[in-house]
C-alpha cells in the first residue's frame, strides 16, 4: 500500500522568457490553492492526499499540468474551479475528470 492514496504533482517549472511553461500560467498559485483546499477538506495526510510542486514534467505545451499518482492521470487546468473539480471528482470520489484529462 502506498503511503498516500493520491500523490498530486503540479508542474511549477519556470523556463526562460518567451518559452512555454506551466509557471507562466499560474501553476504555483494554483498548487498552493490545491494544498490549502485539500487540508481544509480534511483530505491531507497519511493514507489520504499529498499535493506537491514538481519541476518540469515535460508536458509544458499542454500546460499547465498536474499528474495524480498512483492513478497516472494527467490533467490540465485553468483556474480554481478546475482544481476544485479535480479535487471533488477524482481525489474525493475516484472519478476521472475527462474534460481536463490530457
PDB file of N, CA and C in Angstrom:
ATOM      1  N   UNK A   1       0.842  -1.192   0.000  1.00  0.00           N
ATOM      2  CA  UNK A   1       0.000   0.000   0.000  1.00  0.00           C
ATOM      3  C   UNK A   1       0.879   1.245   0.000  1.00  0.00           C
ATOM      4  N   UNK A   2       0.488   2.203  -0.774  1.00  0.00           N
ATOM      5  CA  UNK A   2       1.192   3.470  -0.862  1.00  0.00           C
ATOM      6  C   UNK A   2       0.980   4.288   0.421  1.00  0.00           C
ATOM      7  N   UNK A   3       1.943   5.122   0.757  1.00  0.00           N
ATOM      8  CA  UNK A   3       1.802   5.983   1.936  1.00  0.00           C
ATOM      9  C   UNK A   3       0.628   6.938   1.776  1.00  0.00           C
ATOM     10  N   UNK A   4       0.450   7.465   0.557  1.00  0.00           N
ATOM     11  CA  UNK A   4      -0.678   8.339   0.248  1.00  0.00           C
ATOM     12  C   UNK A   4      -1.613   7.629  -0.718  1.00  0.00           C
ATOM     13  N   UNK A   5      -2.896   7.827  -0.560  1.00  0.00           N
ATOM     14  CA  UNK A   5      -3.857   7.278  -1.520  1.00  0.00           C
ATOM     15  C   UNK A   5      -3.645   7.952  -2.877  1.00  0.00           C
ATOM     16  N   UNK A   6      -3.481   9.274  -2.853  1.00  0.00           N
ATOM     17  CA  UNK A   6      -3.203  10.042  -4.066  1.00  0.00           C
ATOM     18  C   UNK A   6      -2.048  11.004  -3.789  1.00  0.00           C
ATOM     19  N   UNK A   7      -1.096  11.018  -4.698  1.00  0.00           N
ATOM     20  CA  UNK A   7       0.023  11.952  -4.642  1.00  0.00           C
ATOM     21  C   UNK A   7      -0.069  12.795  -5.905  1.00  0.00           C
ATOM     22  N   UNK A   8      -0.271  14.096  -5.734  1.00  0.00           N
ATOM     23  CA  UNK A   8      -0.527  15.001  -6.851  1.00  0.00           C
ATOM     24  C   UNK A   8       0.671  15.923  -7.046  1.00  0.00           C
ATOM     25  N   UNK A   9       1.193  15.939  -8.248  1.00  0.00           N
ATOM     26  CA  UNK A   9       2.326  16.787  -8.589  1.00  0.00           C
ATOM     27  C   UNK A   9       1.892  17.851  -9.586  1.00  0.00           C
ATOM     28  N   UNK A  10       2.068  19.112  -9.218  1.00  0.00           N
ATOM     29  CA  UNK A  10       1.812  20.257 -10.088  1.00  0.00           C
ATOM     30  C   UNK A  10       3.135  20.694 -10.684  1.00  0.00           C
ATOM     31  N   UNK A  11       3.232  20.714 -12.007  1.00  0.00           N
ATOM     32  CA  UNK A  11       4.423  21.261 -12.645  1.00  0.00           C
ATOM     33  C   UNK A  11       4.455  22.759 -12.368  1.00  0.00           C
ATOM     34  N   UNK A  12       5.535  23.216 -11.758  1.00  0.00           N
ATOM     35  CA  UNK A  12       5.714  24.641 -11.465  1.00  0.00           C
ATOM     36  C   UNK A  12       6.997  25.156 -12.109  1.00  0.00           C
ATOM     37  N   UNK A  13       7.428  24.473 -13.157  1.00  0.00           N
ATOM     38  CA  UNK A  13       8.669  24.822 -13.827  1.00  0.00           C
ATOM     39  C   UNK A  13       8.607  26.206 -14.467  1.00  0.00           C
ATOM     40  N   UNK A  14       9.711  26.942 -14.311  1.00  0.00           N
ATOM     41  CA  UNK A  14       9.849  28.260 -14.925  1.00  0.00           C
ATOM     42  C   UNK A  14      10.937  28.183 -15.981  1.00  0.00           C
ATOM     43  N   UNK A  15      10.573  28.386 -17.223  1.00  0.00           N
ATOM     44  CA  UNK A  15      11.549  28.403 -18.316  1.00  0.00           C
ATOM     45  C   UNK A  15      11.951  29.839 -18.626  1.00  0.00           C
ATOM     46  N   UNK A  16      12.889  29.987 -19.516  1.00  0.00           N
ATOM     47  CA  UNK A  16      13.358  31.311 -19.922  1.00  0.00           C
ATOM     48  C   UNK A  16      12.209  32.101 -20.547  1.00  0.00           C
ATOM     49  N   UNK A  17      12.306  33.415 -20.447  1.00  0.00           N
ATOM     50  CA  UNK A  17      11.285  34.298 -21.018  1.00  0.00           C
ATOM     51  C   UNK A  17      10.997  33.950 -22.469  1.00  0.00           C
ATOM     52  N   UNK A  18       9.720  33.871 -22.784  1.00  0.00           N
ATOM     53  CA  UNK A  18       9.294  33.571 -24.140  1.00  0.00           C
ATOM     54  C   UNK A  18       9.067  32.097 -24.418  1.00  0.00           C
ATOM     55  N   UNK A  19       9.518  31.224 -23.506  1.00  0.00           N
ATOM     56  CA  UNK A  19       9.311  29.789 -23.674  1.00  0.00           C
ATOM     57  C   UNK A  19       8.065  29.369 -22.897  1.00  0.00           C
ATOM     58  N   UNK A  20       7.288  28.468 -23.478  1.00  0.00           N
ATOM     59  CA  UNK A  20       6.089  27.963 -22.826  1.00  0.00           C
ATOM     60  C   UNK A  20       6.454  27.201 -21.559  1.00  0.00           C
ATOM     61  N   UNK A  21       5.759  27.516 -20.469  1.00  0.00           N
ATOM     62  CA  UNK A  21       5.987  26.782 -19.224  1.00  0.00           C
ATOM     63  C   UNK A  21       4.761  26.894 -18.326  1.00  0.00           C
ATOM     64  N   UNK A  22       4.640  25.958 -17.416  1.00  0.00           N
ATOM     65  CA  UNK A  22       3.489  25.929 -16.518  1.00  0.00           C
ATOM     66  C   UNK A  22       3.482  27.122 -15.557  1.00  0.00           C
ATOM     67  N   UNK A  23       4.659  27.557 -15.133  1.00  0.00           N
ATOM     68  CA  UNK A  23       4.729  28.673 -14.193  1.00  0.00           C
ATOM     69  C   UNK A  23       4.103  29.939 -14.764  1.00  0.00           C
ATOM     70  N   UNK A  24       4.208  30.135 -16.059  1.00  0.00           N
ATOM     71  CA  UNK A  24       3.642  31.345 -16.659  1.00  0.00           C
ATOM     72  C   UNK A  24       2.115  31.301 -16.732  1.00  0.00           C
ATOM     73  N   UNK A  25       1.520  30.164 -16.347  1.00  0.00           N
ATOM     74  CA  UNK A  25       0.064  30.020 -16.315  1.00  0.00           C
ATOM     75  C   UNK A  25      -0.474  29.990 -14.890  1.00  0.00           C
ATOM     76  N   UNK A  26       0.332  30.430 -13.922  1.00  0.00           N
ATOM     77  CA  UNK A  26      -0.132  30.493 -12.539  1.00  0.00           C
ATOM     78  C   UNK A  26      -0.132  29.167 -11.808  1.00  0.00           C
ATOM     79  N   UNK A  27       0.689  28.220 -12.241  1.00  0.00           N
ATOM     80  CA  UNK A  27       0.697  26.886 -11.643  1.00  0.00           C
ATOM     81  C   UNK A  27       1.053  26.903 -10.155  1.00  0.00           C
ATOM     82  N   UNK A  28       2.012  27.711  -9.755  1.00  0.00           N
ATOM     83  CA  UNK A  28       2.423  27.732  -8.346  1.00  0.00           C
ATOM     84  C   UNK A  28       1.291  28.222  -7.445  1.00  0.00           C
ATOM     85  N   UNK A  29       0.576  29.241  -7.895  1.00  0.00           N
ATOM     86  CA  UNK A  29      -0.534  29.772  -7.107  1.00  0.00           C
ATOM     87  C   UNK A  29      -1.664  28.740  -6.992  1.00  0.00           C
ATOM     88  N   UNK A  30      -1.936  28.032  -8.083  1.00  0.00           N
ATOM     89  CA  UNK A  30      -2.995  27.029  -8.049  1.00  0.00           C
ATOM     90  C   UNK A  30      -2.562  25.786  -7.277  1.00  0.00           C
ATOM     91  N   UNK A  31      -1.270  25.483  -7.256  1.00  0.00           N
ATOM     92  CA  UNK A  31      -0.772  24.385  -6.414  1.00  0.00           C
ATOM     93  C   UNK A  31      -0.972  24.735  -4.945  1.00  0.00           C
ATOM     94  N   UNK A  32      -0.635  25.958  -4.568  1.00  0.00           N
ATOM     95  CA  UNK A  32      -0.829  26.392  -3.179  1.00  0.00           C
ATOM     96  C   UNK A  32      -2.313  26.364  -2.808  1.00  0.00           C
ATOM     97  N   UNK A  33      -3.155  26.795  -3.729  1.00  0.00           N
ATOM     98  CA  UNK A  33      -4.598  26.749  -3.505  1.00  0.00           C
ATOM     99  C   UNK A  33      -5.059  25.306  -3.280  1.00  0.00           C
ATOM    100  N   UNK A  34      -4.607  24.375  -4.140  1.00  0.00           N
ATOM    101  CA  UNK A  34      -4.994  22.970  -4.007  1.00  0.00           C
ATOM    102  C   UNK A  34      -4.537  22.395  -2.674  1.00  0.00           C
ATOM    103  N   UNK A  35      -3.331  22.736  -2.261  1.00  0.00           N
ATOM    104  CA  UNK A  35      -2.791  22.253  -0.985  1.00  0.00           C
ATOM    105  C   UNK A  35      -3.663  22.733   0.174  1.00  0.00           C
ATOM    106  N   UNK A  36      -4.029  24.005   0.166  1.00  0.00           N
ATOM    107  CA  UNK A  36      -4.895  24.565   1.212  1.00  0.00           C
ATOM    108  C   UNK A  36      -6.288  23.952   1.168  1.00  0.00           C
ATOM    109  N   UNK A  37      -6.817  23.755  -0.026  1.00  0.00           N
ATOM    110  CA  UNK A  37      -8.177  23.204  -0.183  1.00  0.00           C
ATOM    111  C   UNK A  37      -8.246  21.763   0.315  1.00  0.00           C
ATOM    112  N   UNK A  38      -7.240  20.959  -0.030  1.00  0.00           N
ATOM    113  CA  UNK A  38      -7.186  19.568   0.420  1.00  0.00           C
ATOM    114  C   UNK A  38      -7.106  19.518   1.950  1.00  0.00           C
ATOM    115  N   UNK A  39      -6.308  20.390   2.540  1.00  0.00           N
ATOM    116  CA  UNK A  39      -6.212  20.442   4.001  1.00  0.00           C
ATOM    117  C   UNK A  39      -7.544  20.847   4.622  1.00  0.00           C
ATOM    118  N   UNK A  40      -8.193  21.860   4.054  1.00  0.00           N
ATOM    119  CA  UNK A  40      -9.480  22.335   4.589  1.00  0.00           C
ATOM    120  C   UNK A  40     -10.556  21.262   4.520  1.00  0.00           C
ATOM    121  N   UNK A  41     -10.471  20.386   3.538  1.00  0.00           N
ATOM    122  CA  UNK A  41     -11.446  19.310   3.386  1.00  0.00           C
ATOM    123  C   UNK A  41     -11.107  18.080   4.228  1.00  0.00           C
ATOM    124  N   UNK A  42      -9.994  18.137   4.951  1.00  0.00           N
ATOM    125  CA  UNK A  42      -9.595  17.007   5.781  1.00  0.00           C
ATOM    126  C   UNK A  42      -9.037  15.836   4.989  1.00  0.00           C
ATOM    127  N   UNK A  43      -8.535  16.120   3.788  1.00  0.00           N
ATOM    128  CA  UNK A  43      -8.030  15.062   2.910  1.00  0.00           C
ATOM    129  C   UNK A  43      -6.508  14.903   2.981  1.00  0.00           C
ATOM    130  N   UNK A  44      -5.840  15.745   3.751  1.00  0.00           N
ATOM    131  CA  UNK A  44      -4.383  15.775   3.806  1.00  0.00           C
ATOM    132  C   UNK A  44      -3.853  14.741   4.798  1.00  0.00           C
ATOM    133  N   UNK A  45      -2.765  14.067   4.420  1.00  0.00           N
ATOM    134  CA  UNK A  45      -2.064  13.213   5.367  1.00  0.00           C
ATOM    135  C   UNK A  45      -1.944  11.768   4.948  1.00  0.00           C
ATOM    136  N   UNK A  46      -1.328  10.992   5.834  1.00  0.00           N
ATOM    137  CA  UNK A  46      -1.080   9.572   5.598  1.00  0.00           C
ATOM    138  C   UNK A  46      -2.366   8.853   5.204  1.00  0.00           C
ATOM    139  N   UNK A  47      -2.273   8.102   4.117  1.00  0.00           N
ATOM    140  CA  UNK A  47      -3.421   7.349   3.634  1.00  0.00           C
ATOM    141  C   UNK A  47      -4.432   8.190   2.882  1.00  0.00           C
ATOM    142  N   UNK A  48      -4.113   9.473   2.725  1.00  0.00           N
ATOM    143  CA  UNK A  48      -5.041  10.382   2.061  1.00  0.00           C
ATOM    144  C   UNK A  48      -4.357  11.022   0.853  1.00  0.00           C
ATOM    145  N   UNK A  49      -4.243  12.340   0.848  1.00  0.00           N
ATOM    146  CA  UNK A  49      -3.741  13.071  -0.322  1.00  0.00           C
ATOM    147  C   UNK A  49      -2.530  13.921   0.053  1.00  0.00           C
ATOM    148  N   UNK A  50      -1.586  13.985  -0.849  1.00  0.00           N
ATOM    149  CA  UNK A  50      -0.427  14.881  -0.742  1.00  0.00           C
ATOM    150  C   UNK A  50      -0.356  15.695  -2.022  1.00  0.00           C
ATOM    151  N   UNK A  51      -0.258  17.026  -1.870  1.00  0.00           N
ATOM    152  CA  UNK A  51      -0.119  17.945  -3.004  1.00  0.00           C
ATOM    153  C   UNK A  51       1.315  18.473  -3.003  1.00  0.00           C
ATOM    154  N   UNK A  52       2.028  18.300  -4.129  1.00  0.00           N
ATOM    155  CA  UNK A  52       3.418  18.738  -4.222  1.00  0.00           C
ATOM    156  C   UNK A  52       3.664  19.585  -5.457  1.00  0.00           C
ATOM    157  N   UNK A  53       4.698  20.429  -5.356  1.00  0.00           N
ATOM    158  CA  UNK A  53       5.242  21.119  -6.521  1.00  0.00           C
ATOM    159  C   UNK A  53       6.216  20.171  -7.188  1.00  0.00           C
ATOM    160  N   UNK A  54       6.326  20.280  -8.487  1.00  0.00           N
ATOM    161  CA  UNK A  54       7.306  19.498  -9.234  1.00  0.00           C
ATOM    162  C   UNK A  54       8.052  20.419 -10.177  1.00  0.00           C
ATOM    163  N   UNK A  55       9.233  20.004 -10.529  1.00  0.00           N
ATOM    164  CA  UNK A  55       9.960  20.682 -11.583  1.00  0.00           C
ATOM    165  C   UNK A  55       9.309  20.300 -12.907  1.00  0.00           C
ATOM    166  N   UNK A  56      10.034  20.416 -13.972  1.00  0.00           N
ATOM    167  CA  UNK A  56       9.478  20.153 -15.288  1.00  0.00           C
ATOM    168  C   UNK A  56       8.969  18.720 -15.405  1.00  0.00           C
ATOM    169  N   UNK A  57       7.728  18.591 -15.816  1.00  0.00           N
ATOM    170  CA  UNK A  57       7.133  17.282 -16.082  1.00  0.00           C
ATOM    171  C   UNK A  57       7.121  16.976 -17.579  1.00  0.00           C
ATOM    172  N   UNK A  58       7.750  17.858 -18.353  1.00  0.00           N
ATOM    173  CA  UNK A  58       7.978  17.682 -19.792  1.00  0.00           C
ATOM    174  C   UNK A  58       6.691  17.635 -20.619  1.00  0.00           C
ATOM    175  N   UNK A  59       5.667  18.361 -20.164  1.00  0.00           N
ATOM    176  CA  UNK A  59       4.426  18.462 -20.943  1.00  0.00           C
ATOM    177  C   UNK A  59       3.966  19.918 -20.988  1.00  0.00           C
ATOM    178  N   UNK A  60       4.906  20.826 -20.989  1.00  0.00           N
ATOM    179  CA  UNK A  60       4.594  22.252 -20.910  1.00  0.00           C
ATOM    180  C   UNK A  60       3.683  22.740 -22.028  1.00  0.00           C
ATOM    181  N   UNK A  61       3.784  22.140 -23.206  1.00  0.00           N
ATOM    182  CA  UNK A  61       2.933  22.568 -24.312  1.00  0.00           C
ATOM    183  C   UNK A  61       1.462  22.256 -24.060  1.00  0.00           C
ATOM    184  N   UNK A  62       1.188  21.386 -23.098  1.00  0.00           N
ATOM    185  CA  UNK A  62      -0.184  21.035 -22.746  1.00  0.00           C
ATOM    186  C   UNK A  62      -0.597  21.685 -21.436  1.00  0.00           C
ATOM    187  N   UNK A  63       0.234  22.566 -20.913  1.00  0.00           N
ATOM    188  CA  UNK A  63       0.105  23.085 -19.569  1.00  0.00           C
ATOM    189  C   UNK A  63      -0.853  24.222 -19.398  1.00  0.00           C
ATOM    190  N   UNK A  64      -1.026  24.542 -18.139  1.00  0.00           N
ATOM    191  CA  UNK A  64      -0.334  23.925 -17.018  1.00  0.00           C
ATOM    192  C   UNK A  64      -0.819  22.499 -16.791  1.00  0.00           C
ATOM    193  N   UNK A  65       0.044  21.692 -16.187  1.00  0.00           N
ATOM    194  CA  UNK A  65      -0.301  20.289 -15.980  1.00  0.00           C
ATOM    195  C   UNK A  65      -0.083  19.864 -14.535  1.00  0.00           C
ATOM    196  N   UNK A  66      -0.831  18.824 -14.172  1.00  0.00           N
ATOM    197  CA  UNK A  66      -0.606  18.113 -12.926  1.00  0.00           C
ATOM    198  C   UNK A  66      -0.822  16.642 -13.213  1.00  0.00           C
ATOM    199  N   UNK A  67      -0.262  15.794 -12.365  1.00  0.00           N
ATOM    200  CA  UNK A  67      -0.446  14.357 -12.504  1.00  0.00           C
ATOM    201  C   UNK A  67      -0.835  13.785 -11.147  1.00  0.00           C
ATOM    202  N   UNK A  68      -1.774  12.851 -11.171  1.00  0.00           N
ATOM    203  CA  UNK A  68      -2.243  12.184  -9.961  1.00  0.00           C
ATOM    204  C   UNK A  68      -1.709  10.755  -9.974  1.00  0.00           C
ATOM    205  N   UNK A  69      -0.900  10.438  -8.959  1.00  0.00           N
ATOM    206  CA  UNK A  69      -0.402   9.064  -8.784  1.00  0.00           C
ATOM    207  C   UNK A  69      -1.074   8.462  -7.569  1.00  0.00           C
ATOM    208  N   UNK A  70      -1.262   7.155  -7.508  1.00  0.00           N
ATOM    209  CA  UNK A  70      -0.742   6.145  -8.413  1.00  0.00           C
ATOM    210  C   UNK A  70      -1.614   5.923  -9.645  1.00  0.00           C
ATOM    211  N   UNK A  71      -2.627   6.747  -9.846  1.00  0.00           N
ATOM    212  CA  UNK A  71      -3.570   6.551 -10.949  1.00  0.00           C
ATOM    213  C   UNK A  71      -2.972   6.875 -12.314  1.00  0.00           C
ATOM    214  N   UNK A  72      -1.863   7.623 -12.327  1.00  0.00           N
ATOM    215  CA  UNK A  72      -1.207   8.016 -13.576  1.00  0.00           C
ATOM    216  C   UNK A  72      -2.176   8.756 -14.501  1.00  0.00           C
ATOM    217  N   UNK A  73      -2.902   9.693 -13.926  1.00  0.00           N
ATOM    218  CA  UNK A  73      -3.843  10.508 -14.695  1.00  0.00           C
ATOM    219  C   UNK A  73      -3.286  11.925 -14.768  1.00  0.00           C
ATOM    220  N   UNK A  74      -3.165  12.430 -15.979  1.00  0.00           N
ATOM    221  CA  UNK A  74      -2.642  13.765 -16.243  1.00  0.00           C
ATOM    222  C   UNK A  74      -3.786  14.714 -16.541  1.00  0.00           C
ATOM    223  N   UNK A  75      -3.709  15.901 -15.944  1.00  0.00           N
ATOM    224  CA  UNK A  75      -4.723  16.931 -16.162  1.00  0.00           C
ATOM    225  C   UNK A  75      -4.081  18.247 -16.565  1.00  0.00           C
ATOM    226  N   UNK A  76      -4.857  19.046 -17.278  1.00  0.00           N
ATOM    227  CA  UNK A  76      -4.570  20.455 -17.442  1.00  0.00           C
ATOM    228  C   UNK A  76      -5.630  21.200 -16.638  1.00  0.00           C
ATOM    229  N   UNK A  77      -5.389  22.456 -16.356  1.00  0.00           N
ATOM    230  CA  UNK A  77      -6.318  23.254 -15.555  1.00  0.00           C
ATOM    231  C   UNK A  77      -6.108  24.715 -15.886  1.00  0.00           C
ATOM    232  N   UNK A  78      -7.127  25.515 -15.625  1.00  0.00           N
ATOM    233  CA  UNK A  78      -7.042  26.940 -15.938  1.00  0.00           C
ATOM    234  C   UNK A  78      -7.193  27.787 -14.682  1.00  0.00           C
ATOM    235  N   UNK A  79      -8.080  27.365 -13.789  1.00  0.00           N
ATOM    236  CA  UNK A  79      -8.416  28.210 -12.644  1.00  0.00           C
ATOM    237  C   UNK A  79      -8.799  27.375 -11.429  1.00  0.00           C
ATOM    238  N   UNK A  80      -9.197  28.057 -10.362  1.00  0.00           N
ATOM    239  CA  UNK A  80      -9.572  27.380  -9.120  1.00  0.00           C
ATOM    240  C   UNK A  80     -10.758  26.445  -9.323  1.00  0.00           C
ATOM    241  N   UNK A  81     -11.674  26.799 -10.200  1.00  0.00           N
ATOM    242  CA  UNK A  81     -12.833  25.940 -10.453  1.00  0.00           C
ATOM    243  C   UNK A  81     -12.391  24.593 -11.020  1.00  0.00           C
ATOM    244  N   UNK A  82     -11.403  24.594 -11.913  1.00  0.00           N
ATOM    245  CA  UNK A  82     -10.882  23.339 -12.459  1.00  0.00           C
ATOM    246  C   UNK A  82     -10.213  22.517 -11.359  1.00  0.00           C
ATOM    247  N   UNK A  83      -9.419  23.170 -10.534  1.00  0.00           N
ATOM    248  CA  UNK A  83      -8.742  22.479  -9.433  1.00  0.00           C
ATOM    249  C   UNK A  83      -9.777  21.915  -8.459  1.00  0.00           C
ATOM    250  N   UNK A  84     -10.798  22.701  -8.142  1.00  0.00           N
ATOM    251  CA  UNK A  84     -11.869  22.211  -7.257  1.00  0.00           C
ATOM    252  C   UNK A  84     -12.542  20.971  -7.842  1.00  0.00           C
ATOM    253  N   UNK A  85     -12.768  20.977  -9.153  1.00  0.00           N
ATOM    254  CA  UNK A  85     -13.409  19.839  -9.802  1.00  0.00           C
ATOM    255  C   UNK A  85     -12.526  18.591  -9.729  1.00  0.00           C
ATOM    256  N   UNK A  86     -11.239  18.743  -9.935  1.00  0.00           N
ATOM    257  CA  UNK A  86     -10.309  17.613  -9.829  1.00  0.00           C
ATOM    258  C   UNK A  86     -10.303  17.067  -8.406  1.00  0.00           C
ATOM    259  N   UNK A  87     -10.273  17.959  -7.432  1.00  0.00           N
ATOM    260  CA  UNK A  87     -10.285  17.524  -6.032  1.00  0.00           C
ATOM    261  C   UNK A  87     -11.579  16.783  -5.713  1.00  0.00           C
ATOM    262  N   UNK A  88     -12.713  17.378  -6.051  1.00  0.00           N
ATOM    263  CA  UNK A  88     -14.007  16.780  -5.711  1.00  0.00           C
ATOM    264  C   UNK A  88     -14.245  15.473  -6.453  1.00  0.00           C
ATOM    265  N   UNK A  89     -14.016  15.482  -7.740  1.00  0.00           N
ATOM    266  CA  UNK A  89     -14.339  14.303  -8.534  1.00  0.00           C
ATOM    267  C   UNK A  89     -13.288  13.197  -8.400  1.00  0.00           C
ATOM    268  N   UNK A  90     -12.052  13.531  -8.661  1.00  0.00           N
ATOM    269  CA  UNK A  90     -11.015  12.495  -8.682  1.00  0.00           C
ATOM    270  C   UNK A  90     -10.535  12.125  -7.283  1.00  0.00           C
ATOM    271  N   UNK A  91     -10.104  13.121  -6.519  1.00  0.00           N
ATOM    272  CA  UNK A  91      -9.493  12.815  -5.225  1.00  0.00           C
ATOM    273  C   UNK A  91     -10.503  12.366  -4.174  1.00  0.00           C
ATOM    274  N   UNK A  92     -11.706  12.913  -4.205  1.00  0.00           N
ATOM    275  CA  UNK A  92     -12.710  12.519  -3.227  1.00  0.00           C
ATOM    276  C   UNK A  92     -13.547  11.327  -3.676  1.00  0.00           C
ATOM    277  N   UNK A  93     -13.892  11.274  -4.968  1.00  0.00           N
ATOM    278  CA  UNK A  93     -14.847  10.271  -5.417  1.00  0.00           C
ATOM    279  C   UNK A  93     -14.297   9.265  -6.425  1.00  0.00           C
ATOM    280  N   UNK A  94     -13.029   9.408  -6.811  1.00  0.00           N
ATOM    281  CA  UNK A  94     -12.409   8.439  -7.699  1.00  0.00           C
ATOM    282  C   UNK A  94     -12.883   8.475  -9.139  1.00  0.00           C
ATOM    283  N   UNK A  95     -13.479   9.592  -9.541  1.00  0.00           N
ATOM    284  CA  UNK A  95     -13.976   9.730 -10.914  1.00  0.00           C
ATOM    285  C   UNK A  95     -13.048  10.657 -11.702  1.00  0.00           C
ATOM    286  N   UNK A  96     -12.541  10.161 -12.810  1.00  0.00           N
ATOM    287  CA  UNK A  96     -11.647  10.968 -13.646  1.00  0.00           C
ATOM    288  C   UNK A  96     -12.440  12.095 -14.295  1.00  0.00           C
ATOM    289  N   UNK A  97     -11.859  13.274 -14.307  1.00  0.00           N
ATOM    290  CA  UNK A  97     -12.482  14.444 -14.936  1.00  0.00           C
ATOM    291  C   UNK A  97     -12.053  14.440 -16.394  1.00  0.00           C
ATOM    292  N   UNK A  98     -12.853  13.837 -17.228  1.00  0.00           N
ATOM    293  CA  UNK A  98     -12.492  13.627 -18.635  1.00  0.00           C
ATOM    294  C   UNK A  98     -12.226  14.923 -19.379  1.00  0.00           C
ATOM    295  N   UNK A  99     -12.980  15.987 -19.086  1.00  0.00           N
ATOM    296  CA  UNK A  99     -12.808  17.229 -19.831  1.00  0.00           C
ATOM    297  C   UNK A  99     -11.452  17.893 -19.578  1.00  0.00           C
ATOM    298  N   UNK A 100     -10.789  17.557 -18.482  1.00  0.00           N
ATOM    299  CA  UNK A 100      -9.498  18.147 -18.151  1.00  0.00           C
ATOM    300  C   UNK A 100      -8.337  17.179 -18.361  1.00  0.00           C
ATOM    301  N   UNK A 101      -8.636  15.935 -18.642  1.00  0.00           N
ATOM    302  CA  UNK A 101      -7.618  14.918 -18.809  1.00  0.00           C
ATOM    303  C   UNK A 101      -6.813  15.153 -20.088  1.00  0.00           C
ATOM    304  N   UNK A 102      -5.498  14.940 -19.996  1.00  0.00           N
ATOM    305  CA  UNK A 102      -4.634  15.022 -21.173  1.00  0.00           C
ATOM    306  C   UNK A 102      -3.926  13.696 -21.368  1.00  0.00           C
TER     307      UNK A 102
END
